[in-house]
Amino acid sequence: MQTVHALDPLRNAVAELRSRGPVALVPTMGALHDGHLTLVREAKSRGASIVVSIFVNPLQFGANEDLDAYPRQLARDSALLEAEGVDVLWAPTVEAMYPAGFASNISVAGVSEGLCGAARPGHFDGVATVVCKLFNQVMPDMALFGEKDWQQLAVIRRMARDLDLTRPAADAILGVPTVRETDGLAMSSRNAYLSAGERAAAVALPTAMRKAIAAIEGGEPVPATLATLEADILAGGFRAIDYAELREAGGLAPLAARADTPMRLIVAARIGSTRLIDNMAVAPA
């Protein structure tokens, strides 16, 4: 595996990969877990050479968020990626990604509003900006993202469509199902922040979500089901709910009743000092 920290060596390495066939990009912020490695394995199954980026993007962190505390484990992550057969690790410095004088911003309206967009103002501008830069730097034939952050996936696909990106095209931005721990908790780098007690209690989130989905699919009213969902999460040990909503899966329109279209139940909740997100599919009516 080749590790590069500057743009010219990256482009030279990707040009060599492209001479062999398609190139896949897996963007990450590091602190890798099996969810990330599942993205790598999915790319490999598609016969692509693989570029993984590791960059803790300051633009997507708010003033009171965990940028400084976010885990940085480049040596460990590099060993994991090499064991998976990754071809290139792109690990730029902040200065390489945002040179002096950097002054551009990409804002994606609509799908970025509400949910995490409301709870974390400016977050999705930072996501869209860095992902667009990564796409332009690597020019992959496909890019793979976990479905755990469903709103992020929607923002990136919308950006690609609106800006007429072709490497990758919007249809080549692939969502990979959320990887979960054995008790159902979605894998996340932020799970490392949880104390032993908080980690044991965190399973209340996916458990309550599955219960709510069964109720919605069984015909229960959505507003009452969401109220019960929030109560169940809080009773399980969480201290606050940022949101718990039923949304249309594609454009993320809010839904007050079960619809005849693919839907997602999307939740963000806080346990201790940690904010966890999750989403699950809800079957159409």
C-alpha atoms as a PDB file:
ATOM      1  CA  MET A   1       0.000   0.000   0.000  1.00  0.00           C
ATOM      2  CA  GLN A   2       1.273   3.431  -0.946  1.00  0.00           C
ATOM      3  CA  THR A   3       0.671   6.263   1.540  1.00  0.00           C
ATOM      4  CA  VAL A   4       0.670   9.821   0.209  1.00  0.00           C
ATOM      5  CA  HIS A   5       0.278  13.161   1.948  1.00  0.00           C
ATOM      6  CA  ALA A   6       0.455  15.616  -0.963  1.00  0.00           C
ATOM      7  CA  LEU A   7      -1.637  16.111  -4.085  1.00  0.00           C
ATOM      8  CA  ASP A   8       0.917  15.503  -6.858  1.00  0.00           C
ATOM      9  CA  PRO A   9       1.995  12.083  -5.523  1.00  0.00           C
ATOM     10  CA  LEU A  10      -1.681  11.199  -5.093  1.00  0.00           C
ATOM     11  CA  ARG A  11      -2.471  11.984  -8.717  1.00  0.00           C
ATOM     12  CA  ASN A  12       0.527  10.008  -9.922  1.00  0.00           C
ATOM     13  CA  ALA A  13      -0.533   6.998  -7.826  1.00  0.00           C
ATOM     14  CA  VAL A  14      -4.141   7.172  -9.020  1.00  0.00           C
ATOM     15  CA  ALA A  15      -3.047   7.446 -12.660  1.00  0.00           C
ATOM     16  CA  GLU A  16      -1.161   4.190 -12.243  1.00  0.00           C
ATOM     17  CA  LEU A  17      -4.212   2.524 -10.683  1.00  0.00           C
ATOM     18  CA  ARG A  18      -6.497   3.794 -13.445  1.00  0.00           C
ATOM     19  CA  SER A  19      -4.293   2.171 -16.071  1.00  0.00           C
ATOM     20  CA  ARG A  20      -5.343  -1.173 -14.562  1.00  0.00           C
ATOM     21  CA  GLY A  21      -9.103  -0.559 -14.384  1.00  0.00           C
ATOM     22  CA  PRO A  22     -11.749   1.202 -12.258  1.00  0.00           C
ATOM     23  CA  VAL A  23     -10.823   3.114  -9.114  1.00  0.00           C
ATOM     24  CA  ALA A  24     -12.957   3.269  -5.963  1.00  0.00           C
ATOM     25  CA  LEU A  25     -12.705   5.908  -3.234  1.00  0.00           C
ATOM     26  CA  VAL A  26     -13.650   5.261   0.389  1.00  0.00           C
ATOM     27  CA  PRO A  27     -13.576   8.602   2.253  1.00  0.00           C
ATOM     28  CA  THR A  28     -13.096   8.360   6.039  1.00  0.00           C
ATOM     29  CA  MET A  29     -11.990  10.406   9.024  1.00  0.00           C
ATOM     30  CA  GLY A  30      -9.971   7.495  10.384  1.00  0.00           C
ATOM     31  CA  ALA A  31     -10.447   5.671  13.695  1.00  0.00           C
ATOM     32  CA  LEU A  32     -11.442   2.782  11.466  1.00  0.00           C
ATOM     33  CA  HIS A  33     -13.777  -0.024  12.489  1.00  0.00           C
ATOM     34  CA  ASP A  34     -15.407  -2.918  10.690  1.00  0.00           C
ATOM     35  CA  GLY A  35     -17.973  -0.582   9.146  1.00  0.00           C
ATOM     36  CA  HIS A  36     -15.218   1.204   7.246  1.00  0.00           C
ATOM     37  CA  LEU A  37     -13.533  -2.059   6.305  1.00  0.00           C
ATOM     38  CA  THR A  38     -16.838  -3.344   4.949  1.00  0.00           C
ATOM     39  CA  LEU A  39     -16.782  -0.434   2.481  1.00  0.00           C
ATOM     40  CA  VAL A  40     -13.300  -1.489   1.393  1.00  0.00           C
ATOM     41  CA  ARG A  41     -14.432  -5.092   0.939  1.00  0.00           C
ATOM     42  CA  GLU A  42     -17.443  -3.978  -1.096  1.00  0.00           C
ATOM     43  CA  ALA A  43     -15.176  -1.945  -3.382  1.00  0.00           C
ATOM     44  CA  LYS A  44     -12.872  -4.920  -3.783  1.00  0.00           C
ATOM     45  CA  SER A  45     -15.834  -7.147  -4.674  1.00  0.00           C
ATOM     46  CA  ARG A  46     -16.544  -4.782  -7.564  1.00  0.00           C
ATOM     47  CA  GLY A  47     -13.098  -5.336  -9.025  1.00  0.00           C
ATOM     48  CA  ALA A  48     -11.810  -1.841  -8.325  1.00  0.00           C
ATOM     49  CA  SER A  49      -8.457  -0.569  -7.149  1.00  0.00           C
ATOM     50  CA  ILE A  50      -9.034   1.146  -3.831  1.00  0.00           C
ATOM     51  CA  VAL A  51      -8.073   4.567  -2.512  1.00  0.00           C
ATOM     52  CA  VAL A  52      -8.993   5.274   1.111  1.00  0.00           C
ATOM     53  CA  SER A  53      -8.762   8.814   2.412  1.00  0.00           C
ATOM     54  CA  ILE A  54      -8.232   9.641   6.064  1.00  0.00           C
ATOM     55  CA  PHE A  55      -8.806  13.284   6.905  1.00  0.00           C
ATOM     56  CA  VAL A  56     -10.370  14.758  10.039  1.00  0.00           C
ATOM     57  CA  ASN A  57     -12.137  17.641   8.342  1.00  0.00           C
ATOM     58  CA  PRO A  58     -12.240  20.780  10.476  1.00  0.00           C
ATOM     59  CA  LEU A  59     -14.910  22.392   8.290  1.00  0.00           C
ATOM     60  CA  GLN A  60     -17.581  19.940   9.453  1.00  0.00           C
ATOM     61  CA  PHE A  61     -17.039  20.476  13.177  1.00  0.00           C
ATOM     62  CA  GLY A  62     -18.825  23.260  15.059  1.00  0.00           C
ATOM     63  CA  ALA A  63     -17.238  25.541  17.643  1.00  0.00           C
ATOM     64  CA  ASN A  64     -18.305  23.355  20.571  1.00  0.00           C
ATOM     65  CA  GLU A  65     -17.827  19.964  18.937  1.00  0.00           C
ATOM     66  CA  ASP A  66     -15.139  17.322  19.311  1.00  0.00           C
ATOM     67  CA  LEU A  67     -12.567  18.225  16.631  1.00  0.00           C
ATOM     68  CA  ASP A  68      -9.604  18.199  19.023  1.00  0.00           C
ATOM     69  CA  ALA A  69     -10.790  15.035  20.772  1.00  0.00           C
ATOM     70  CA  TYR A  70     -11.664  13.117  17.606  1.00  0.00           C
ATOM     71  CA  PRO A  71      -9.493   9.973  17.582  1.00  0.00           C
ATOM     72  CA  ARG A  72      -6.473  10.054  15.292  1.00  0.00           C
ATOM     73  CA  GLN A  73      -4.855   6.632  14.855  1.00  0.00           C
ATOM     74  CA  LEU A  74      -3.051   6.784  11.529  1.00  0.00           C
ATOM     75  CA  ALA A  75      -0.528   3.994  12.210  1.00  0.00           C
ATOM     76  CA  ARG A  76      -3.249   1.599  13.405  1.00  0.00           C
ATOM     77  CA  ASP A  77      -5.579   2.557  10.561  1.00  0.00           C
ATOM     78  CA  SER A  78      -2.819   2.156   7.993  1.00  0.00           C
ATOM     79  CA  ALA A  79      -2.087  -1.381   9.185  1.00  0.00           C
ATOM     80  CA  LEU A  80      -5.777  -2.301   8.928  1.00  0.00           C
ATOM     81  CA  LEU A  81      -6.032  -0.939   5.398  1.00  0.00           C
ATOM     82  CA  GLU A  82      -2.879  -2.651   4.240  1.00  0.00           C
ATOM     83  CA  ALA A  83      -4.226  -5.959   5.562  1.00  0.00           C
ATOM     84  CA  GLU A  84      -7.380  -5.414   3.485  1.00  0.00           C
ATOM     85  CA  GLY A  85      -5.374  -4.912   0.286  1.00  0.00           C
ATOM     86  CA  VAL A  86      -5.978  -1.168  -0.122  1.00  0.00           C
ATOM     87  CA  ASP A  87      -3.834   0.287  -2.900  1.00  0.00           C
ATOM     88  CA  VAL A  88      -3.425   3.909  -1.817  1.00  0.00           C
ATOM     89  CA  LEU A  89      -3.938   5.693   1.500  1.00  0.00           C
ATOM     90  CA  TRP A  90      -4.528   9.421   0.950  1.00  0.00           C
ATOM     91  CA  ALA A  91      -3.778  11.147   4.242  1.00  0.00           C
ATOM     92  CA  PRO A  92      -3.475  14.864   3.519  1.00  0.00           C
ATOM     93  CA  THR A  93      -2.536  17.472   6.062  1.00  0.00           C
ATOM     94  CA  VAL A  94      -4.960  20.297   6.778  1.00  0.00           C
ATOM     95  CA  GLU A  95      -2.579  22.590   4.869  1.00  0.00           C
ATOM     96  CA  ALA A  96      -2.666  20.298   1.837  1.00  0.00           C
ATOM     97  CA  MET A  97      -6.462  20.154   1.838  1.00  0.00           C
ATOM     98  CA  TYR A  98      -7.055  23.832   2.633  1.00  0.00           C
ATOM     99  CA  PRO A  99      -4.045  25.876   1.454  1.00  0.00           C
ATOM    100  CA  ALA A 100      -3.534  29.420   2.669  1.00  0.00           C
ATOM    101  CA  GLY A 101      -6.237  31.653   1.241  1.00  0.00           C
ATOM    102  CA  PHE A 102      -8.784  28.865   0.793  1.00  0.00           C
ATOM    103  CA  ALA A 103     -12.140  30.661   0.564  1.00  0.00           C
ATOM    104  CA  SER A 104     -14.689  28.390  -1.149  1.00  0.00           C
ATOM    105  CA  ASN A 105     -17.729  26.653   0.268  1.00  0.00           C
ATOM    106  CA  ILE A 106     -20.344  24.260  -1.128  1.00  0.00           C
ATOM    107  CA  SER A 107     -23.814  24.482   0.367  1.00  0.00           C
ATOM    108  CA  VAL A 108     -26.518  21.976  -0.571  1.00  0.00           C
ATOM    109  CA  ALA A 109     -30.006  23.229   0.258  1.00  0.00           C
ATOM    110  CA  GLY A 110     -33.029  21.050   0.909  1.00  0.00           C
ATOM    111  CA  VAL A 111     -31.633  17.674   1.947  1.00  0.00           C
ATOM    112  CA  SER A 112     -29.134  19.352   4.294  1.00  0.00           C
ATOM    113  CA  GLU A 113     -31.884  21.135   6.241  1.00  0.00           C
ATOM    114  CA  GLY A 114     -33.367  19.732   9.437  1.00  0.00           C
ATOM    115  CA  LEU A 115     -32.083  16.648  11.261  1.00  0.00           C
ATOM    116  CA  CYS A 116     -28.284  17.005  11.670  1.00  0.00           C
ATOM    117  CA  GLY A 117     -28.380  20.135   9.532  1.00  0.00           C
ATOM    118  CA  ALA A 118     -30.414  21.864  12.235  1.00  0.00           C
ATOM    119  CA  ALA A 119     -28.541  20.327  15.159  1.00  0.00           C
ATOM    120  CA  ARG A 120     -25.088  21.069  13.646  1.00  0.00           C
ATOM    121  CA  PRO A 121     -25.256  24.340  11.660  1.00  0.00           C
ATOM    122  CA  GLY A 122     -22.703  24.425   8.855  1.00  0.00           C
ATOM    123  CA  HIS A 123     -21.860  20.734   9.214  1.00  0.00           C
ATOM    124  CA  PHE A 124     -23.071  19.675   5.785  1.00  0.00           C
ATOM    125  CA  ASP A 125     -21.390  22.632   4.087  1.00  0.00           C
ATOM    126  CA  GLY A 126     -18.146  21.240   5.478  1.00  0.00           C
ATOM    127  CA  VAL A 127     -19.030  17.720   4.360  1.00  0.00           C
ATOM    128  CA  ALA A 128     -20.015  18.774   0.835  1.00  0.00           C
ATOM    129  CA  THR A 129     -16.914  20.935   0.434  1.00  0.00           C
ATOM    130  CA  VAL A 130     -14.411  18.301   1.534  1.00  0.00           C
ATOM    131  CA  VAL A 131     -16.098  15.463  -0.369  1.00  0.00           C
ATOM    132  CA  CYS A 132     -16.199  17.511  -3.559  1.00  0.00           C
ATOM    133  CA  LYS A 133     -12.482  18.192  -3.120  1.00  0.00           C
ATOM    134  CA  LEU A 134     -11.796  14.490  -2.532  1.00  0.00           C
ATOM    135  CA  PHE A 135     -13.751  13.594  -5.661  1.00  0.00           C
ATOM    136  CA  ASN A 136     -11.755  16.133  -7.703  1.00  0.00           C
ATOM    137  CA  GLN A 137      -8.468  14.962  -6.215  1.00  0.00           C
ATOM    138  CA  VAL A 138      -9.000  11.240  -6.820  1.00  0.00           C
ATOM    139  CA  MET A 139     -11.503  11.288  -9.728  1.00  0.00           C
ATOM    140  CA  PRO A 140     -12.831   7.846  -8.759  1.00  0.00           C
ATOM    141  CA  ASP A 141     -15.165   5.751 -10.858  1.00  0.00           C
ATOM    142  CA  MET A 142     -17.165   5.009  -7.721  1.00  0.00           C
ATOM    143  CA  ALA A 143     -17.268   6.163  -4.099  1.00  0.00           C
ATOM    144  CA  LEU A 144     -18.604   4.187  -1.149  1.00  0.00           C
ATOM    145  CA  PHE A 145     -20.236   5.538   2.000  1.00  0.00           C
ATOM    146  CA  GLY A 146     -21.942   3.856   4.931  1.00  0.00           C
ATOM    147  CA  GLU A 147     -25.697   4.251   5.210  1.00  0.00           C
ATOM    148  CA  LYS A 148     -25.417   5.024   8.930  1.00  0.00           C
ATOM    149  CA  ASP A 149     -25.347   8.731   8.102  1.00  0.00           C
ATOM    150  CA  TRP A 150     -28.279   8.680   5.702  1.00  0.00           C
ATOM    151  CA  GLN A 151     -28.578  12.466   5.466  1.00  0.00           C
ATOM    152  CA  GLN A 152     -24.893  12.784   4.583  1.00  0.00           C
ATOM    153  CA  LEU A 153     -25.349  10.272   1.765  1.00  0.00           C
ATOM    154  CA  ALA A 154     -28.320  12.249   0.440  1.00  0.00           C
ATOM    155  CA  VAL A 155     -26.330  15.506   0.558  1.00  0.00           C
ATOM    156  CA  ILE A 156     -23.384  14.006  -1.339  1.00  0.00           C
ATOM    157  CA  ARG A 157     -25.588  12.495  -4.040  1.00  0.00           C
ATOM    158  CA  ARG A 158     -27.469  15.787  -4.449  1.00  0.00           C
ATOM    159  CA  MET A 159     -24.182  17.670  -4.743  1.00  0.00           C
ATOM    160  CA  ALA A 160     -22.925  15.283  -7.411  1.00  0.00           C
ATOM    161  CA  ARG A 161     -26.132  15.646  -9.437  1.00  0.00           C
ATOM    162  CA  ASP A 162     -26.292  19.429  -9.110  1.00  0.00           C
ATOM    163  CA  LEU A 163     -22.630  19.956 -10.063  1.00  0.00           C
ATOM    164  CA  ASP A 164     -22.755  17.440 -12.943  1.00  0.00           C
ATOM    165  CA  LEU A 165     -19.944  15.391 -11.476  1.00  0.00           C
ATOM    166  CA  THR A 166     -18.905  12.408 -13.575  1.00  0.00           C
ATOM    167  CA  ARG A 167     -16.098  10.941 -11.433  1.00  0.00           C
ATOM    168  CA  PRO A 168     -18.011   9.751  -9.643  1.00  0.00           C
ATOM    169  CA  ALA A 169     -21.452  10.310 -11.103  1.00  0.00           C
ATOM    170  CA  ALA A 170     -24.279  10.451  -8.579  1.00  0.00           C
ATOM    171  CA  ASP A 171     -25.385   6.923  -9.464  1.00  0.00           C
ATOM    172  CA  ALA A 172     -21.874   5.656  -8.660  1.00  0.00           C
ATOM    173  CA  ILE A 173     -22.034   7.037  -5.105  1.00  0.00           C
ATOM    174  CA  LEU A 174     -22.852   3.781  -3.371  1.00  0.00           C
ATOM    175  CA  GLY A 175     -24.476   3.384   0.024  1.00  0.00           C
ATOM    176  CA  VAL A 176     -23.432   0.297   1.985  1.00  0.00           C
ATOM    177  CA  PRO A 177     -25.735  -0.994   4.767  1.00  0.00           C
ATOM    178  CA  THR A 178     -24.848  -0.048   8.332  1.00  0.00           C
ATOM    179  CA  VAL A 179     -22.591  -2.513  10.124  1.00  0.00           C
ATOM    180  CA  ARG A 180     -23.741  -3.250  13.673  1.00  0.00           C
ATOM    181  CA  GLU A 181     -22.301  -4.709  16.833  1.00  0.00           C
ATOM    182  CA  THR A 182     -23.734  -8.041  17.973  1.00  0.00           C
ATOM    183  CA  ASP A 183     -26.236  -6.232  20.229  1.00  0.00           C
ATOM    184  CA  GLY A 184     -27.452  -4.042  17.357  1.00  0.00           C
ATOM    185  CA  LEU A 185     -25.636  -0.765  18.069  1.00  0.00           C
ATOM    186  CA  ALA A 186     -24.405   0.850  14.858  1.00  0.00           C
ATOM    187  CA  MET A 187     -20.623   0.846  14.600  1.00  0.00           C
ATOM    188  CA  SER A 188     -19.188   4.340  14.951  1.00  0.00           C
ATOM    189  CA  SER A 189     -15.848   5.886  15.757  1.00  0.00           C
ATOM    190  CA  ARG A 190     -17.654   7.853  18.456  1.00  0.00           C
ATOM    191  CA  ASN A 191     -18.598   4.656  20.296  1.00  0.00           C
ATOM    192  CA  ALA A 192     -15.058   4.814  21.698  1.00  0.00           C
ATOM    193  CA  TYR A 193     -16.148   7.820  23.770  1.00  0.00           C
ATOM    194  CA  LEU A 194     -18.702   5.729  25.705  1.00  0.00           C
ATOM    195  CA  SER A 195     -18.000   4.524  29.219  1.00  0.00           C
ATOM    196  CA  ALA A 196     -18.721   0.872  29.962  1.00  0.00           C
ATOM    197  CA  GLY A 197     -22.080   1.798  31.463  1.00  0.00           C
ATOM    198  CA  GLU A 198     -22.986   4.082  28.585  1.00  0.00           C
ATOM    199  CA  ARG A 199     -22.016   1.436  26.054  1.00  0.00           C
ATOM    200  CA  ALA A 200     -24.288  -1.107  27.753  1.00  0.00           C
ATOM    201  CA  ALA A 201     -27.151   1.395  27.791  1.00  0.00           C
ATOM    202  CA  ALA A 202     -26.627   2.544  24.188  1.00  0.00           C
ATOM    203  CA  VAL A 203     -28.363  -0.553  22.836  1.00  0.00           C
ATOM    204  CA  ALA A 204     -31.613   1.139  23.892  1.00  0.00           C
ATOM    205  CA  LEU A 205     -31.365   3.227  20.716  1.00  0.00           C
ATOM    206  CA  PRO A 206     -31.574   0.476  18.064  1.00  0.00           C
ATOM    207  CA  THR A 207     -33.922  -1.556  20.269  1.00  0.00           C
ATOM    208  CA  ALA A 208     -36.401   1.323  20.536  1.00  0.00           C
ATOM    209  CA  MET A 209     -36.094   2.038  16.829  1.00  0.00           C
ATOM    210  CA  ARG A 210     -36.938  -1.537  15.853  1.00  0.00           C
ATOM    211  CA  LYS A 211     -39.959  -1.413  18.166  1.00  0.00           C
ATOM    212  CA  ALA A 212     -41.125   1.856  16.561  1.00  0.00           C
ATOM    213  CA  ILE A 213     -40.713   0.485  13.040  1.00  0.00           C
ATOM    214  CA  ALA A 214     -42.814  -2.554  13.922  1.00  0.00           C
ATOM    215  CA  ALA A 215     -45.508  -0.216  15.253  1.00  0.00           C
ATOM    216  CA  ILE A 216     -45.499   1.995  12.145  1.00  0.00           C
ATOM    217  CA  GLU A 217     -45.569  -0.974   9.811  1.00  0.00           C
ATOM    218  CA  GLY A 218     -48.395  -2.398  11.916  1.00  0.00           C
ATOM    219  CA  GLY A 219     -50.527   0.685  11.328  1.00  0.00           C
ATOM    220  CA  GLU A 220     -49.928   2.681  14.503  1.00  0.00           C
ATOM    221  CA  PRO A 221     -50.093   6.491  14.113  1.00  0.00           C
ATOM    222  CA  VAL A 222     -46.670   7.955  13.375  1.00  0.00           C
ATOM    223  CA  PRO A 223     -46.747  10.937  15.804  1.00  0.00           C
ATOM    224  CA  ALA A 224     -47.693   8.760  18.776  1.00  0.00           C
ATOM    225  CA  THR A 225     -45.131   6.132  17.783  1.00  0.00           C
ATOM    226  CA  LEU A 226     -42.360   8.732  17.591  1.00  0.00           C
ATOM    227  CA  ALA A 227     -43.334  10.067  21.034  1.00  0.00           C
ATOM    228  CA  THR A 228     -43.090   6.540  22.439  1.00  0.00           C
ATOM    229  CA  LEU A 229     -39.767   6.046  20.665  1.00  0.00           C
ATOM    230  CA  GLU A 230     -38.304   9.130  22.330  1.00  0.00           C
ATOM    231  CA  ALA A 231     -39.610   8.056  25.734  1.00  0.00           C
ATOM    232  CA  ASP A 232     -38.119   4.584  25.308  1.00  0.00           C
ATOM    233  CA  ILE A 233     -34.695   5.988  24.353  1.00  0.00           C
ATOM    234  CA  LEU A 234     -34.654   8.324  27.354  1.00  0.00           C
ATOM    235  CA  ALA A 235     -35.809   5.562  29.681  1.00  0.00           C
ATOM    236  CA  GLY A 236     -32.940   3.432  28.373  1.00  0.00           C
ATOM    237  CA  GLY A 237     -30.314   5.859  29.668  1.00  0.00           C
ATOM    238  CA  PHE A 238     -29.969   8.575  27.036  1.00  0.00           C
ATOM    239  CA  ARG A 239     -30.099  12.141  28.338  1.00  0.00           C
ATOM    240  CA  ALA A 240     -31.499  13.977  25.305  1.00  0.00           C
ATOM    241  CA  ILE A 241     -32.995  13.469  21.856  1.00  0.00           C
ATOM    242  CA  ASP A 242     -31.878  15.795  19.054  1.00  0.00           C
ATOM    243  CA  TYR A 243     -34.498  14.388  16.701  1.00  0.00           C
ATOM    244  CA  ALA A 244     -36.511  11.263  15.958  1.00  0.00           C
ATOM    245  CA  GLU A 245     -38.290  11.525  12.616  1.00  0.00           C
ATOM    246  CA  LEU A 246     -39.812   9.506   9.813  1.00  0.00           C
ATOM    247  CA  ARG A 247     -38.510  10.763   6.473  1.00  0.00           C
ATOM    248  CA  GLU A 248     -38.910   9.892   2.808  1.00  0.00           C
ATOM    249  CA  ALA A 249     -35.740   8.001   1.903  1.00  0.00           C
ATOM    250  CA  GLY A 250     -34.715   9.898  -1.233  1.00  0.00           C
ATOM    251  CA  GLY A 251     -35.387  13.604  -0.740  1.00  0.00           C
ATOM    252  CA  LEU A 252     -35.787  13.380   3.055  1.00  0.00           C
ATOM    253  CA  ALA A 253     -39.204  15.027   3.118  1.00  0.00           C
ATOM    254  CA  PRO A 254     -40.780  14.735   6.611  1.00  0.00           C
ATOM    255  CA  LEU A 255     -43.640  12.245   6.901  1.00  0.00           C
ATOM    256  CA  ALA A 256     -46.504  12.420   9.377  1.00  0.00           C
ATOM    257  CA  ALA A 257     -47.929   9.097   8.229  1.00  0.00           C
ATOM    258  CA  ARG A 258     -46.676   5.915   6.637  1.00  0.00           C
ATOM    259  CA  ALA A 259     -46.351   6.413   2.866  1.00  0.00           C
ATOM    260  CA  ASP A 260     -46.161   4.214  -0.226  1.00  0.00           C
ATOM    261  CA  THR A 261     -42.522   5.124  -0.792  1.00  0.00           C
ATOM    262  CA  PRO A 262     -39.250   3.976   0.791  1.00  0.00           C
ATOM    263  CA  MET A 263     -38.814   5.605   4.194  1.00  0.00           C
ATOM    264  CA  ARG A 264     -36.190   5.891   6.912  1.00  0.00           C
ATOM    265  CA  LEU A 265     -36.604   6.290  10.650  1.00  0.00           C
ATOM    266  CA  ILE A 266     -33.782   8.689  11.546  1.00  0.00           C
ATOM    267  CA  VAL A 267     -32.656   9.420  15.114  1.00  0.00           C
ATOM    268  CA  ALA A 268     -29.925  11.354  16.915  1.00  0.00           C
ATOM    269  CA  ALA A 269     -29.625  11.076  20.686  1.00  0.00           C
ATOM    270  CA  ARG A 270     -27.108  11.951  23.388  1.00  0.00           C
ATOM    271  CA  ILE A 271     -25.797   9.608  26.048  1.00  0.00           C
ATOM    272  CA  GLY A 272     -23.282  11.072  28.456  1.00  0.00           C
ATOM    273  CA  SER A 273     -21.196  13.470  26.371  1.00  0.00           C
ATOM    274  CA  THR A 274     -21.588  11.427  23.166  1.00  0.00           C
ATOM    275  CA  ARG A 275     -24.008  12.048  20.326  1.00  0.00           C
ATOM    276  CA  LEU A 276     -25.071   8.906  18.439  1.00  0.00           C
ATOM    277  CA  ILE A 277     -26.990   8.736  15.169  1.00  0.00           C
ATOM    278  CA  ASP A 278     -28.823   5.857  13.546  1.00  0.00           C
ATOM    279  CA  ASN A 279     -31.388   5.175  10.857  1.00  0.00           C
ATOM    280  CA  MET A 280     -33.330   2.170   9.670  1.00  0.00           C
ATOM    281  CA  ALA A 281     -35.553   1.388   6.703  1.00  0.00           C
ATOM    282  CA  VAL A 282     -39.333   1.413   7.061  1.00  0.00           C
ATOM    283  CA  ALA A 283     -41.329  -0.622   4.555  1.00  0.00           C
ATOM    284  CA  PRO A 284     -43.725   1.328   2.296  1.00  0.00           C
ATOM    285  CA  ALA A 285     -47.423   1.115   2.966  1.00  0.00           C
END
